[in-house]
Amino acid sequence: MSDDATAGILQRPYLLATAGACALVFLAAFESMAVTTIMPLVSRELDGAGLYALAFAGPLATGVIGMVVAGNWADRRGPAAPLYASVALFAAGLLIAGIAVSMPMLVAGRLVQGLGGGAMTVALYVVIARVYPARLHAQVFAAFSAAWVIPSMIGPFAAGVVAQLSSWHWVFLGVVGLVVPALAMILPAMRGMRPAPGPREASEAAIAPWAIGRMGWAALAALAVLGLNLSGQVPGVAWVIAAVALAVAMLAVRPLVPRGTLRAHRGLPSVILMRGFASAAFFGAEVYVPYLLTDRYSFTPAFAGLALTGSALAWAGASAVQGRLGSRLGSALAVRIGSALVLGAIAVLLVTTVSGWPAGVAIAGWLFAGAGMGLMYPRLSVMTLALSTPEDQGFNSSAMSIADSLGGALSLAVTGLVFSAMTTAAASFPASFSGVFALTAGIAVIGLLIAPRIAGRPSSGAESVRGAEARRASEADDVRA
């Protein structure tokens, strides 16, 4: 048996915990990639085009609630109970979606799945902090990255094959049976988990209180996203409801991010905002790529999924390149290049759709979007930590994840409205896709304008003030790993 002081993450006593945690990450990643591939088929079979975008935006929105609740719960009582609850919700959501006989039922399952998935991510990070010594944290996160890359390579194509040869239901149901064994592998390590830093005999007063206010804002933001998605179901006043829902979402997100974020203040606020716009531009367009390929070019789900596989590989490759370049490629420059690549890729999709170019042009163009995200995402994470103090690292890391999820959710909600409105008005799928890609290109342009503002010192010490406020309220609920 390996000595604890020198053991690696694939040696005892960490082997089972590593395998179980990576398996859970793998399953969450597989579902994320697989659903994008099969959703055009699901939408067609369940006559659910009007809820297509909600099937993607909803889980991102409820995931924000899961992140906040799980983080606060873990701060109070440790990560065991939040992890059990989140895995149960994730599996329940998969089960509901897998047996769905209507699009509303499938969306309901996706909402539950998103709630569990968001909470599971945070709970796993706290488990890492408690189970593994600090010297192994980087190795575990590297293993998590690998657990995301592999589903990116095989998930879309595998999901398409399953949907063609059997049924799309098994893309959801097939994962349910794998969740329990994955969790079971982590249980032995959790029983021997180290307590949180601090006095061994913590008094009840020392336990972090429930961050009810923060949870409330997260829930309000999620409800606003859902309202924005469903506004298209109310003829005549759809855009009025959408505008109100968007305003409520912006109001709700303000306490969850550093001050100055929505005004793109230089430094950390613009880093967080840039993360949201990058997510909004990329994911708002990506979910329509397989839809375009299946509906306009008659691709099978399996081959439509290969477009996502190529993009994911480009993401992984660009991420590795920026890691090797290190300080030779400045973070601000990497973000500018990445945002320009995403904009260019969406522009290629738009021109391809409008001009009727071959599908291969869109697929090749989307590779550059993946490369752009691979350059941007790691550097935005690095800059978030670099511009944070030890006291507000948790709050700022949480804010980055929230901006990521809500950016994608809001973009998907608005693109869904545009897609439905243009389909009704023009009775033409090409026009609808053109509207979606034009909108996401506009979002990418705004991201390109924000990118230069990420460099520089935070203004007026706003982030430190926000961090202090969060600590006083005991609401820094993200992982302190």
Protein backbone atom coordinates (compact mmCIF):
# COMPACT_ATOMS: atom_id res chain seq x y z
CA MET A 1 0.00 0.00 0.00
CA SER A 2 1.30 3.44 -0.89
CA ASP A 3 2.09 5.81 1.95
CA ASP A 4 -0.47 8.64 2.18
CA ALA A 5 2.28 11.27 2.10
CA THR A 6 3.58 10.13 -1.30
CA ALA A 7 0.58 8.43 -2.91
CA GLY A 8 -0.74 9.78 -6.18
CA ILE A 9 -4.37 10.20 -7.17
CA LEU A 10 -4.37 6.77 -8.85
CA GLN A 11 -2.91 5.00 -5.82
CA ARG A 12 -4.40 3.98 -2.51
CA PRO A 13 -6.04 5.52 -0.57
CA TYR A 14 -7.22 7.88 -3.34
CA LEU A 15 -7.79 5.52 -6.27
CA LEU A 16 -11.48 4.80 -5.74
CA ALA A 17 -12.30 8.42 -4.90
CA THR A 18 -10.52 9.60 -8.04
CA ALA A 19 -12.30 7.03 -10.20
CA GLY A 20 -15.71 7.85 -8.71
CA ALA A 21 -15.34 11.62 -8.93
CA CYS A 22 -14.04 11.48 -12.51
CA ALA A 23 -16.87 9.11 -13.42
CA LEU A 24 -19.47 11.61 -12.17
CA VAL A 25 -17.79 14.42 -14.10
CA PHE A 26 -17.63 12.17 -17.17
CA LEU A 27 -21.35 11.36 -16.97
CA ALA A 28 -22.31 15.02 -16.56
CA ALA A 29 -20.09 15.95 -19.52
CA PHE A 30 -21.45 13.11 -21.65
CA GLU A 31 -25.03 14.23 -21.04
CA SER A 32 -24.14 17.82 -21.88
CA MET A 33 -22.63 16.85 -25.24
CA ALA A 34 -25.09 14.06 -26.04
CA VAL A 35 -28.24 16.09 -25.48
CA THR A 36 -27.08 18.76 -27.93
CA THR A 37 -26.78 16.06 -30.60
CA ILE A 38 -30.14 14.34 -30.08
CA MET A 39 -32.32 17.34 -29.24
CA PRO A 40 -33.31 18.09 -32.87
CA LEU A 41 -34.61 14.51 -33.11
CA VAL A 42 -36.35 14.77 -29.72
CA SER A 43 -37.92 18.09 -30.66
CA ARG A 44 -39.25 16.66 -33.90
CA GLU A 45 -40.64 13.50 -32.29
CA LEU A 46 -42.30 15.32 -29.37
CA ASP A 47 -43.43 18.29 -31.47
CA GLY A 48 -41.51 20.59 -29.14
CA ALA A 49 -39.80 23.21 -31.31
CA GLY A 50 -41.24 25.96 -29.10
CA LEU A 51 -39.42 24.54 -26.06
CA TYR A 52 -36.19 23.62 -27.84
CA ALA A 53 -34.13 26.44 -26.33
CA LEU A 54 -35.62 25.93 -22.85
CA ALA A 55 -34.35 22.35 -22.86
CA PHE A 56 -30.83 23.85 -22.85
CA ALA A 57 -31.32 27.13 -21.00
CA GLY A 58 -33.40 25.64 -18.18
CA PRO A 59 -30.69 23.32 -16.77
CA LEU A 60 -28.14 26.16 -16.85
CA ALA A 61 -30.55 28.37 -14.90
CA THR A 62 -31.48 25.80 -12.25
CA GLY A 63 -27.81 24.85 -12.03
CA VAL A 64 -27.10 28.30 -10.57
CA ILE A 65 -29.52 27.56 -7.72
CA GLY A 66 -27.81 24.20 -7.19
CA MET A 67 -24.37 25.84 -7.03
CA VAL A 68 -25.43 28.37 -4.41
CA VAL A 69 -27.37 25.93 -2.22
CA ALA A 70 -24.73 23.19 -2.35
CA GLY A 71 -21.92 25.61 -1.56
CA ASN A 72 -23.74 27.03 1.45
CA TRP A 73 -24.82 23.57 2.63
CA ALA A 74 -21.25 22.27 2.32
CA ASP A 75 -19.94 25.25 4.31
CA ARG A 76 -22.42 24.43 7.06
CA ARG A 77 -22.25 20.65 7.33
CA GLY A 78 -19.60 19.34 4.94
CA PRO A 79 -19.97 18.01 1.39
CA ALA A 80 -21.43 14.55 2.05
CA ALA A 81 -25.13 15.42 2.27
CA PRO A 82 -25.01 17.91 -0.65
CA LEU A 83 -23.26 15.33 -2.83
CA TYR A 84 -25.82 12.60 -2.05
CA ALA A 85 -28.71 14.98 -2.68
CA SER A 86 -27.23 16.37 -5.90
CA VAL A 87 -26.51 12.92 -7.36
CA ALA A 88 -30.06 11.85 -6.52
CA LEU A 89 -31.49 14.92 -8.27
CA PHE A 90 -29.23 14.41 -11.28
CA ALA A 91 -30.36 10.78 -11.62
CA ALA A 92 -34.01 11.70 -11.08
CA GLY A 93 -33.79 14.31 -13.83
CA LEU A 94 -32.28 11.77 -16.22
CA LEU A 95 -35.04 9.30 -15.39
CA ILE A 96 -37.83 11.84 -15.98
CA ALA A 97 -36.30 12.94 -19.30
CA GLY A 98 -35.70 9.33 -20.34
CA ILE A 99 -39.34 8.31 -19.92
CA ALA A 100 -40.74 11.60 -21.25
CA VAL A 101 -43.70 11.33 -23.61
CA SER A 102 -44.04 15.06 -24.19
CA MET A 103 -41.69 18.02 -24.53
CA PRO A 104 -42.89 19.69 -21.28
CA MET A 105 -42.12 16.46 -19.39
CA LEU A 106 -38.67 16.28 -20.94
CA VAL A 107 -37.98 19.91 -20.04
CA ALA A 108 -39.08 19.22 -16.46
CA GLY A 109 -36.57 16.40 -16.28
CA ARG A 110 -33.86 18.67 -17.67
CA LEU A 111 -34.62 21.30 -15.01
CA VAL A 112 -34.21 18.72 -12.23
CA GLN A 113 -31.07 17.37 -13.90
CA GLY A 114 -29.58 20.87 -14.08
CA LEU A 115 -30.33 21.53 -10.41
CA GLY A 116 -28.53 18.34 -9.43
CA GLY A 117 -25.67 18.85 -11.88
CA GLY A 118 -24.87 22.36 -10.63
CA ALA A 119 -24.92 21.23 -7.02
CA MET A 120 -22.86 18.11 -7.79
CA THR A 121 -20.02 20.14 -9.29
CA VAL A 122 -19.66 22.33 -6.20
CA ALA A 123 -20.01 19.38 -3.80
CA LEU A 124 -17.30 17.46 -5.65
CA TYR A 125 -14.91 20.40 -5.39
CA VAL A 126 -15.42 20.51 -1.62
CA VAL A 127 -14.86 16.74 -1.44
CA ILE A 128 -11.52 17.27 -3.19
CA ALA A 129 -10.54 19.90 -0.64
CA ARG A 130 -11.37 17.54 2.24
CA VAL A 131 -10.16 14.18 0.86
CA TYR A 132 -6.98 15.08 -1.02
CA PRO A 133 -3.92 16.91 0.31
CA ALA A 134 -3.11 20.23 -1.36
CA ARG A 135 -0.22 18.70 -3.33
CA LEU A 136 -2.71 16.56 -5.29
CA HIS A 137 -5.33 19.19 -6.10
CA ALA A 138 -3.78 20.15 -9.44
CA GLN A 139 -3.64 16.49 -10.48
CA VAL A 140 -7.29 15.95 -9.61
CA PHE A 141 -8.42 18.99 -11.60
CA ALA A 142 -6.30 17.82 -14.52
CA ALA A 143 -8.10 14.47 -14.32
CA PHE A 144 -11.42 16.33 -14.32
CA SER A 145 -10.36 18.14 -17.50
CA ALA A 146 -9.60 14.80 -19.13
CA ALA A 147 -12.99 13.53 -17.99
CA TRP A 148 -14.55 16.41 -19.95
CA VAL A 149 -12.42 15.97 -23.07
CA ILE A 150 -13.23 12.28 -23.60
CA PRO A 151 -17.04 12.77 -23.73
CA SER A 152 -16.43 15.68 -26.10
CA MET A 153 -14.75 13.24 -28.48
CA ILE A 154 -17.17 10.32 -28.22
CA GLY A 155 -20.37 11.75 -26.73
CA PRO A 156 -22.01 13.41 -29.74
CA PHE A 157 -21.35 10.54 -32.15
CA ALA A 158 -22.24 7.85 -29.59
CA ALA A 159 -25.49 9.60 -28.71
CA GLY A 160 -26.40 9.86 -32.37
CA VAL A 161 -25.73 6.16 -32.91
CA VAL A 162 -27.84 5.19 -29.87
CA ALA A 163 -30.69 7.42 -31.05
CA GLN A 164 -30.57 5.91 -34.56
CA LEU A 165 -30.20 2.24 -33.61
CA SER A 166 -32.40 2.21 -30.53
CA SER A 167 -34.12 5.31 -29.17
CA TRP A 168 -33.13 8.73 -27.89
CA HIS A 169 -34.71 7.70 -24.55
CA TRP A 170 -31.68 5.50 -23.85
CA VAL A 171 -29.30 8.44 -24.08
CA PHE A 172 -30.84 9.52 -20.76
CA LEU A 173 -31.80 6.16 -19.24
CA GLY A 174 -28.48 4.51 -20.05
CA VAL A 175 -26.65 6.96 -17.79
CA VAL A 176 -28.93 6.48 -14.76
CA GLY A 177 -27.56 3.03 -14.02
CA LEU A 178 -23.97 4.33 -14.05
CA VAL A 179 -24.49 7.12 -11.53
CA VAL A 180 -24.90 4.91 -8.45
CA PRO A 181 -21.67 2.89 -8.96
CA ALA A 182 -19.77 6.13 -9.54
CA LEU A 183 -21.01 7.56 -6.23
CA ALA A 184 -20.35 4.26 -4.44
CA MET A 185 -16.64 4.50 -5.29
CA ILE A 186 -16.37 7.83 -3.46
CA LEU A 187 -18.11 6.70 -0.26
CA PRO A 188 -15.11 5.03 1.49
CA ALA A 189 -13.01 8.18 1.06
CA MET A 190 -15.83 10.39 2.31
CA ARG A 191 -16.13 8.39 5.52
CA GLY A 192 -12.51 9.25 6.30
CA MET A 193 -12.82 12.85 5.19
CA ARG A 194 -10.80 15.52 6.97
CA PRO A 195 -12.85 18.16 8.77
CA ALA A 196 -12.92 21.69 7.50
CA PRO A 197 -10.11 23.99 8.68
CA GLY A 198 -10.81 25.49 12.08
CA PRO A 199 -11.49 24.35 15.64
CA ARG A 200 -12.31 20.67 15.95
CA GLU A 201 -15.20 21.41 18.28
CA ALA A 202 -17.00 24.11 16.35
CA SER A 203 -19.85 25.73 18.19
CA GLU A 204 -23.26 26.11 16.60
CA ALA A 205 -22.59 29.86 16.37
CA ALA A 206 -19.46 29.20 14.31
CA ILE A 207 -21.38 27.26 11.66
CA ALA A 208 -22.03 29.34 8.57
CA PRO A 209 -25.67 30.47 8.48
CA TRP A 210 -27.95 29.71 5.59
CA ALA A 211 -27.37 32.32 2.88
CA ILE A 212 -31.07 32.82 2.29
CA GLY A 213 -30.63 36.14 0.49
CA ARG A 214 -28.07 34.75 -1.94
CA MET A 215 -30.25 31.70 -2.60
CA GLY A 216 -33.22 33.98 -3.21
CA TRP A 217 -31.36 36.05 -5.80
CA ALA A 218 -30.17 32.86 -7.53
CA ALA A 219 -33.74 31.52 -7.60
CA LEU A 220 -35.05 34.82 -8.95
CA ALA A 221 -32.44 34.80 -11.72
CA ALA A 222 -33.41 31.24 -12.64
CA LEU A 223 -37.13 32.10 -12.66
CA ALA A 224 -36.41 35.10 -14.89
CA VAL A 225 -34.61 32.85 -17.38
CA LEU A 226 -37.53 30.42 -17.39
CA GLY A 227 -39.98 33.29 -17.85
CA LEU A 228 -37.90 34.63 -20.71
CA ASN A 229 -38.00 31.22 -22.41
CA LEU A 230 -41.75 30.83 -21.95
CA SER A 231 -42.67 34.37 -22.95
CA GLY A 232 -43.02 33.24 -26.56
CA GLN A 233 -46.03 31.16 -25.52
CA VAL A 234 -48.04 34.34 -24.78
CA PRO A 235 -49.11 35.88 -28.11
CA GLY A 236 -49.23 39.64 -28.38
CA VAL A 237 -47.16 40.52 -25.33
CA ALA A 238 -44.31 38.05 -25.72
CA TRP A 239 -41.62 40.68 -26.18
CA VAL A 240 -42.94 42.79 -23.28
CA ILE A 241 -42.72 39.78 -20.96
CA ALA A 242 -39.29 38.97 -22.36
CA ALA A 243 -38.02 42.50 -21.67
CA VAL A 244 -39.32 42.39 -18.08
CA ALA A 245 -37.82 38.94 -17.49
CA LEU A 246 -34.45 40.09 -18.86
CA ALA A 247 -34.50 43.15 -16.58
CA VAL A 248 -35.33 40.97 -13.56
CA ALA A 249 -32.47 38.61 -14.42
CA MET A 250 -30.03 41.53 -14.57
CA LEU A 251 -31.31 42.80 -11.22
CA ALA A 252 -31.01 39.37 -9.61
CA VAL A 253 -27.48 38.70 -10.82
CA ARG A 254 -26.01 41.94 -9.40
CA PRO A 255 -25.57 40.64 -5.81
CA LEU A 256 -24.01 37.44 -7.16
CA VAL A 257 -21.10 39.09 -9.00
CA PRO A 258 -18.46 41.73 -8.13
CA ARG A 259 -19.54 45.37 -8.19
CA GLY A 260 -19.12 47.00 -11.55
CA THR A 261 -19.55 43.77 -13.50
CA LEU A 262 -22.64 44.85 -15.41
CA ARG A 263 -20.94 48.19 -16.20
CA ALA A 264 -17.77 46.46 -17.45
CA HIS A 265 -15.40 48.19 -15.01
CA ARG A 266 -11.77 47.46 -15.80
CA GLY A 267 -10.12 44.45 -14.21
CA LEU A 268 -12.04 41.70 -12.45
CA PRO A 269 -15.58 42.97 -13.25
CA SER A 270 -14.82 42.83 -16.97
CA VAL A 271 -13.20 39.39 -16.60
CA ILE A 272 -16.42 38.06 -15.05
CA LEU A 273 -18.58 39.84 -17.65
CA MET A 274 -16.38 38.53 -20.47
CA ARG A 275 -16.95 34.98 -19.22
CA GLY A 276 -20.69 35.54 -19.47
CA PHE A 277 -20.54 36.98 -22.99
CA ALA A 278 -18.20 34.25 -24.23
CA SER A 279 -20.61 31.62 -22.94
CA ALA A 280 -23.60 33.46 -24.41
CA ALA A 281 -22.07 33.77 -27.89
CA PHE A 282 -20.65 30.25 -28.12
CA PHE A 283 -23.41 28.15 -26.57
CA GLY A 284 -26.19 30.30 -27.99
CA ALA A 285 -24.95 29.35 -31.46
CA GLU A 286 -23.65 25.82 -30.80
CA VAL A 287 -26.98 24.22 -29.89
CA TYR A 288 -28.30 25.20 -33.32
CA VAL A 289 -25.38 23.71 -35.26
CA PRO A 290 -26.63 20.09 -35.16
CA TYR A 291 -30.18 21.41 -35.67
CA LEU A 292 -29.03 23.18 -38.86
CA LEU A 293 -27.19 20.11 -40.11
CA THR A 294 -30.10 17.73 -39.52
CA ASP A 295 -32.89 19.98 -40.80
CA ARG A 296 -31.25 21.75 -43.71
CA TYR A 297 -28.57 19.30 -44.80
CA SER A 298 -30.34 16.03 -43.80
CA PHE A 299 -27.45 14.82 -41.65
CA THR A 300 -28.12 11.88 -39.35
CA PRO A 301 -27.84 12.69 -35.61
CA ALA A 302 -24.56 10.76 -35.41
CA PHE A 303 -22.86 12.73 -38.17
CA ALA A 304 -24.33 16.05 -37.01
CA GLY A 305 -22.70 15.34 -33.66
CA LEU A 306 -19.29 15.12 -35.30
CA ALA A 307 -19.37 18.90 -35.76
CA LEU A 308 -19.45 19.24 -31.98
CA THR A 309 -16.71 16.66 -31.60
CA GLY A 310 -14.42 18.65 -33.88
CA SER A 311 -15.10 21.83 -31.98
CA ALA A 312 -14.43 20.11 -28.66
CA LEU A 313 -11.13 18.75 -29.91
CA ALA A 314 -10.16 22.22 -31.12
CA TRP A 315 -11.08 23.57 -27.66
CA ALA A 316 -8.86 20.98 -25.97
CA GLY A 317 -6.01 21.59 -28.39
CA ALA A 318 -6.08 25.37 -28.03
CA SER A 319 -6.27 25.00 -24.26
CA ALA A 320 -3.15 22.84 -24.31
CA VAL A 321 -1.34 25.31 -26.56
CA GLN A 322 -2.08 28.30 -24.33
CA GLY A 323 -0.93 26.25 -21.34
CA ARG A 324 2.40 25.48 -23.01
CA LEU A 325 2.92 29.10 -24.05
CA GLY A 326 2.35 30.27 -20.48
CA SER A 327 3.44 33.86 -19.90
CA ARG A 328 4.73 34.14 -23.49
CA LEU A 329 1.09 34.63 -24.47
CA GLY A 330 -0.46 37.33 -22.31
CA SER A 331 -3.85 36.51 -20.84
CA ALA A 332 -5.45 39.69 -22.22
CA LEU A 333 -4.12 38.93 -25.71
CA ALA A 334 -5.32 35.32 -25.50
CA VAL A 335 -8.82 36.52 -24.63
CA ARG A 336 -8.84 39.02 -27.50
CA ILE A 337 -7.72 36.37 -30.00
CA GLY A 338 -10.22 33.89 -28.62
CA SER A 339 -13.15 36.29 -28.79
CA ALA A 340 -12.21 37.19 -32.39
CA LEU A 341 -12.14 33.50 -33.35
CA VAL A 342 -15.59 32.90 -31.84
CA LEU A 343 -16.99 35.92 -33.70
CA GLY A 344 -15.43 34.75 -36.96
CA ALA A 345 -16.84 31.24 -36.56
CA ILE A 346 -20.37 32.51 -35.93
CA ALA A 347 -20.04 34.82 -38.93
CA VAL A 348 -19.15 31.76 -41.05
CA LEU A 349 -22.31 30.01 -39.80
CA LEU A 350 -24.39 33.06 -40.66
CA VAL A 351 -22.99 33.43 -44.18
CA THR A 352 -23.26 29.68 -44.79
CA THR A 353 -26.93 29.74 -43.79
CA VAL A 354 -27.80 32.83 -45.83
CA SER A 355 -25.82 31.84 -48.94
CA GLY A 356 -26.57 28.12 -48.92
CA TRP A 357 -22.92 27.12 -48.79
CA PRO A 358 -22.01 23.43 -48.24
CA ALA A 359 -22.32 22.01 -44.74
CA GLY A 360 -18.56 21.40 -44.64
CA VAL A 361 -17.96 25.16 -44.48
CA ALA A 362 -20.07 25.49 -41.32
CA ILE A 363 -18.43 22.45 -39.73
CA ALA A 364 -14.91 23.70 -40.52
CA GLY A 365 -15.79 27.20 -39.32
CA TRP A 366 -17.07 25.89 -36.02
CA LEU A 367 -13.63 24.43 -35.29
CA PHE A 368 -12.38 28.01 -34.85
CA ALA A 369 -15.08 28.69 -32.26
CA GLY A 370 -13.83 25.77 -30.19
CA ALA A 371 -10.24 27.00 -30.53
CA GLY A 372 -11.31 30.47 -29.40
CA MET A 373 -12.98 29.10 -26.29
CA GLY A 374 -9.93 26.96 -25.55
CA LEU A 375 -7.79 30.10 -25.55
CA MET A 376 -10.22 32.20 -23.50
CA TYR A 377 -11.64 30.00 -20.78
CA PRO A 378 -8.41 28.97 -18.99
CA ARG A 379 -7.04 32.52 -19.08
CA LEU A 380 -10.27 34.01 -17.70
CA SER A 381 -10.05 31.52 -14.82
CA VAL A 382 -6.42 32.43 -14.21
CA MET A 383 -7.20 36.16 -14.25
CA THR A 384 -10.11 35.69 -11.83
CA LEU A 385 -7.79 34.17 -9.24
CA ALA A 386 -4.99 36.63 -9.98
CA LEU A 387 -7.31 39.60 -9.39
CA SER A 388 -8.78 38.13 -6.20
CA THR A 389 -7.60 38.34 -2.62
CA PRO A 390 -7.49 35.16 -0.50
CA GLU A 391 -10.60 36.41 1.30
CA ASP A 392 -12.76 36.74 -1.83
CA GLN A 393 -11.47 33.89 -4.00
CA GLY A 394 -14.58 31.84 -3.19
CA PHE A 395 -17.00 34.62 -4.03
CA ASN A 396 -15.23 35.54 -7.26
CA SER A 397 -14.88 31.92 -8.40
CA SER A 398 -18.58 31.45 -7.74
CA ALA A 399 -19.35 34.65 -9.67
CA MET A 400 -17.40 33.34 -12.66
CA SER A 401 -19.40 30.10 -12.69
CA ILE A 402 -22.68 32.00 -12.32
CA ALA A 403 -21.79 34.37 -15.17
CA ASP A 404 -20.89 31.35 -17.29
CA SER A 405 -24.21 29.59 -16.66
CA LEU A 406 -26.49 32.61 -16.78
CA GLY A 407 -24.76 34.01 -19.86
CA GLY A 408 -25.47 30.81 -21.75
CA ALA A 409 -28.99 30.49 -20.32
CA LEU A 410 -30.06 34.03 -21.21
CA SER A 411 -28.58 33.75 -24.69
CA LEU A 412 -30.39 30.46 -25.31
CA ALA A 413 -33.63 31.99 -24.08
CA VAL A 414 -33.41 34.96 -26.45
CA THR A 415 -32.23 32.88 -29.41
CA GLY A 416 -35.16 30.57 -28.79
CA LEU A 417 -37.56 33.50 -29.04
CA VAL A 418 -35.91 34.71 -32.23
CA PHE A 419 -35.94 31.25 -33.77
CA SER A 420 -39.63 30.70 -32.99
CA ALA A 421 -40.67 34.18 -34.10
CA MET A 422 -38.84 33.97 -37.42
CA THR A 423 -40.07 30.43 -38.07
CA THR A 424 -43.66 31.63 -37.61
CA ALA A 425 -43.18 34.79 -39.65
CA ALA A 426 -41.15 33.37 -42.52
CA ALA A 427 -42.17 29.71 -42.41
CA SER A 428 -38.53 29.11 -43.27
CA PHE A 429 -35.91 27.29 -41.22
CA PRO A 430 -32.99 29.03 -43.02
CA ALA A 431 -34.39 32.43 -42.00
CA SER A 432 -34.76 31.25 -38.40
CA PHE A 433 -31.17 29.98 -38.26
CA SER A 434 -29.98 33.23 -39.81
CA GLY A 435 -31.71 35.18 -37.03
CA VAL A 436 -30.08 33.06 -34.34
CA PHE A 437 -26.59 33.38 -35.80
CA ALA A 438 -27.01 37.12 -36.39
CA LEU A 439 -27.99 37.59 -32.74
CA THR A 440 -25.11 35.51 -31.38
CA ALA A 441 -22.71 37.32 -33.71
CA GLY A 442 -23.90 40.58 -32.13
CA ILE A 443 -23.23 39.13 -28.67
CA ALA A 444 -19.75 38.10 -29.81
CA VAL A 445 -19.09 41.65 -31.07
CA ILE A 446 -19.91 43.01 -27.61
CA GLY A 447 -17.55 40.43 -26.10
CA LEU A 448 -14.81 41.58 -28.46
CA LEU A 449 -15.36 45.15 -27.25
CA ILE A 450 -15.21 44.09 -23.59
CA ALA A 451 -12.04 42.03 -24.04
CA PRO A 452 -9.56 44.96 -23.85
CA ARG A 453 -11.08 46.03 -20.51
CA ILE A 454 -10.06 42.86 -18.70
CA ALA A 455 -6.50 44.16 -18.34
CA GLY A 456 -5.67 46.56 -15.57
CA ARG A 457 -6.23 46.82 -11.87
CA PRO A 458 -9.71 46.54 -10.38
CA SER A 459 -11.23 49.98 -9.95
CA SER A 460 -11.93 51.48 -6.54
CA GLY A 461 -11.24 48.26 -4.70
CA ALA A 462 -14.74 47.18 -5.56
CA GLU A 463 -13.97 43.49 -5.57
CA SER A 464 -12.38 43.56 -2.14
CA VAL A 465 -15.35 45.45 -0.78
CA ARG A 466 -17.70 42.89 -2.28
CA GLY A 467 -15.59 40.09 -0.86
CA ALA A 468 -15.70 41.65 2.59
CA GLU A 469 -19.46 42.01 2.37
CA ALA A 470 -19.78 38.42 1.31
CA ARG A 471 -17.67 37.23 4.24
CA ARG A 472 -19.62 39.29 6.73
CA ALA A 473 -22.82 37.77 5.40
CA SER A 474 -21.20 34.32 5.32
CA GLU A 475 -22.36 33.97 1.76
CA ALA A 476 -19.08 33.07 0.06
CA ASP A 477 -20.56 29.69 -0.75
CA ASP A 478 -18.34 28.49 -3.56
CA VAL A 479 -15.45 26.08 -3.08
CA ARG A 480 -12.37 27.17 -1.16
CA ALA A 481 -10.32 24.34 -2.56
